[in-house]
Amino acid sequence: MRLSPRDPRISAWHNFMADAELGLGHLDAVIDESNRAIDAGFRVFYSYLNLAAAHALKGDSDQAKAPWPRLAASIPSSA
């Protein structure tokens, strides 16, 4: 898939690719695409979930726990 570097939604497209790769079982590709989505500014629950799931499925429990503090910091508090 070729993406335009000027696409304002490129980060979401990387997350969609991570979703597809997770379904196919390509765990290294999920990690790469999730990191690209997060680095491009798509810092939402789904990006971190894909990243954690891929690490957990690979058996990297420490790496699977790593995204959760960043996720918790990105959620606005309701108080």
C-alpha atoms as a PDB file:
ATOM      1  CA  MET A   1       0.000   0.000   0.000  1.00  0.00           C
ATOM      2  CA  ARG A   2       1.389   3.350  -0.961  1.00  0.00           C
ATOM      3  CA  LEU A   3       0.503   6.290   1.250  1.00  0.00           C
ATOM      4  CA  SER A   4       0.939   9.935   0.475  1.00  0.00           C
ATOM      5  CA  PRO A   5       3.205  11.593   3.037  1.00  0.00           C
ATOM      6  CA  ARG A   6       0.898  14.627   2.848  1.00  0.00           C
ATOM      7  CA  ASP A   7      -2.265  12.724   3.706  1.00  0.00           C
ATOM      8  CA  PRO A   8      -3.601  14.340   6.893  1.00  0.00           C
ATOM      9  CA  ARG A   9      -4.988  10.983   8.028  1.00  0.00           C
ATOM     10  CA  ILE A  10      -1.817   8.955   7.418  1.00  0.00           C
ATOM     11  CA  SER A  11      -1.630   8.000  11.085  1.00  0.00           C
ATOM     12  CA  ALA A  12      -5.106   6.448  10.947  1.00  0.00           C
ATOM     13  CA  TRP A  13      -4.142   4.513   7.808  1.00  0.00           C
ATOM     14  CA  HIS A  14      -1.141   3.064   9.636  1.00  0.00           C
ATOM     15  CA  ASN A  15      -3.501   1.949  12.393  1.00  0.00           C
ATOM     16  CA  PHE A  16      -5.815   0.322   9.835  1.00  0.00           C
ATOM     17  CA  MET A  17      -2.792  -1.537   8.456  1.00  0.00           C
ATOM     18  CA  ALA A  18      -1.925  -2.691  11.979  1.00  0.00           C
ATOM     19  CA  ASP A  19      -5.484  -4.021  12.370  1.00  0.00           C
ATOM     20  CA  ALA A  20      -5.205  -5.952   9.120  1.00  0.00           C
ATOM     21  CA  GLU A  21      -1.776  -7.350   9.962  1.00  0.00           C
ATOM     22  CA  LEU A  22      -3.014  -8.443  13.381  1.00  0.00           C
ATOM     23  CA  GLY A  23      -5.810 -10.381  11.722  1.00  0.00           C
ATOM     24  CA  LEU A  24      -3.280 -12.062   9.458  1.00  0.00           C
ATOM     25  CA  GLY A  25      -0.979 -12.901  12.355  1.00  0.00           C
ATOM     26  CA  HIS A  26       1.953 -10.799  11.122  1.00  0.00           C
ATOM     27  CA  LEU A  27       2.990  -9.623  14.567  1.00  0.00           C
ATOM     28  CA  ASP A  28       6.196  -7.790  13.615  1.00  0.00           C
ATOM     29  CA  ALA A  29       4.261  -5.805  11.011  1.00  0.00           C
ATOM     30  CA  VAL A  30       1.619  -4.952  13.629  1.00  0.00           C
ATOM     31  CA  ILE A  31       4.302  -3.569  15.923  1.00  0.00           C
ATOM     32  CA  ASP A  32       5.848  -1.527  13.103  1.00  0.00           C
ATOM     33  CA  GLU A  33       2.537  -0.095  11.882  1.00  0.00           C
ATOM     34  CA  SER A  34       1.279   0.641  15.399  1.00  0.00           C
ATOM     35  CA  ASN A  35       4.479   2.497  16.219  1.00  0.00           C
ATOM     36  CA  ARG A  36       4.175   4.449  12.979  1.00  0.00           C
ATOM     37  CA  ALA A  37       0.585   5.377  13.818  1.00  0.00           C
ATOM     38  CA  ILE A  38       1.530   6.518  17.321  1.00  0.00           C
ATOM     39  CA  ASP A  39       4.573   8.433  16.078  1.00  0.00           C
ATOM     40  CA  ALA A  40       2.428  10.158  13.447  1.00  0.00           C
ATOM     41  CA  GLY A  41       0.013  11.367  16.120  1.00  0.00           C
ATOM     42  CA  PHE A  42      -2.703   8.705  16.249  1.00  0.00           C
ATOM     43  CA  ARG A  43      -2.473   8.321  20.022  1.00  0.00           C
ATOM     44  CA  VAL A  44      -5.784   6.619  20.687  1.00  0.00           C
ATOM     45  CA  PHE A  45      -6.784   3.440  22.474  1.00  0.00           C
ATOM     46  CA  TYR A  46      -6.725   1.267  19.351  1.00  0.00           C
ATOM     47  CA  SER A  47      -3.125   2.026  18.440  1.00  0.00           C
ATOM     48  CA  TYR A  48      -1.901   1.084  21.896  1.00  0.00           C
ATOM     49  CA  LEU A  49      -4.188  -1.947  21.985  1.00  0.00           C
ATOM     50  CA  ASN A  50      -2.764  -3.291  18.718  1.00  0.00           C
ATOM     51  CA  LEU A  51       0.761  -2.707  19.979  1.00  0.00           C
ATOM     52  CA  ALA A  52       0.149  -4.439  23.294  1.00  0.00           C
ATOM     53  CA  ALA A  53      -1.711  -7.335  21.671  1.00  0.00           C
ATOM     54  CA  ALA A  54       1.093  -8.000  19.200  1.00  0.00           C
ATOM     55  CA  HIS A  55       3.704  -8.035  21.954  1.00  0.00           C
ATOM     56  CA  ALA A  56       1.530 -10.286  24.125  1.00  0.00           C
ATOM     57  CA  LEU A  57       0.981 -12.745  21.267  1.00  0.00           C
ATOM     58  CA  LYS A  58       4.729 -12.834  20.662  1.00  0.00           C
ATOM     59  CA  GLY A  59       5.242 -13.691  24.330  1.00  0.00           C
ATOM     60  CA  ASP A  60       6.918 -10.406  25.276  1.00  0.00           C
ATOM     61  CA  SER A  61       4.946  -9.710  28.450  1.00  0.00           C
ATOM     62  CA  ASP A  62       7.147  -6.785  29.530  1.00  0.00           C
ATOM     63  CA  GLN A  63       6.767  -5.121  26.140  1.00  0.00           C
ATOM     64  CA  ALA A  64       3.018  -5.798  26.213  1.00  0.00           C
ATOM     65  CA  LYS A  65       2.681  -3.811  29.438  1.00  0.00           C
ATOM     66  CA  ALA A  66       4.787  -0.870  28.220  1.00  0.00           C
ATOM     67  CA  PRO A  67       2.107   1.000  26.177  1.00  0.00           C
ATOM     68  CA  TRP A  68      -0.448   1.153  29.003  1.00  0.00           C
ATOM     69  CA  PRO A  69       1.046   4.089  30.960  1.00  0.00           C
ATOM     70  CA  ARG A  70       1.178   6.118  27.713  1.00  0.00           C
ATOM     71  CA  LEU A  71      -2.423   5.172  27.028  1.00  0.00           C
ATOM     72  CA  ALA A  72      -3.575   6.151  30.510  1.00  0.00           C
ATOM     73  CA  ALA A  73      -1.860   9.525  30.111  1.00  0.00           C
ATOM     74  CA  SER A  74      -3.672  10.128  26.819  1.00  0.00           C
ATOM     75  CA  ILE A  75      -7.166   9.629  28.263  1.00  0.00           C
ATOM     76  CA  PRO A  76      -8.688  12.862  29.538  1.00  0.00           C
ATOM     77  CA  SER A  77      -9.972  12.646  33.080  1.00  0.00           C
ATOM     78  CA  SER A  78     -13.651  13.210  33.704  1.00  0.00           C
ATOM     79  CA  ALA A  79     -13.083  14.871  37.087  1.00  0.00           C
END
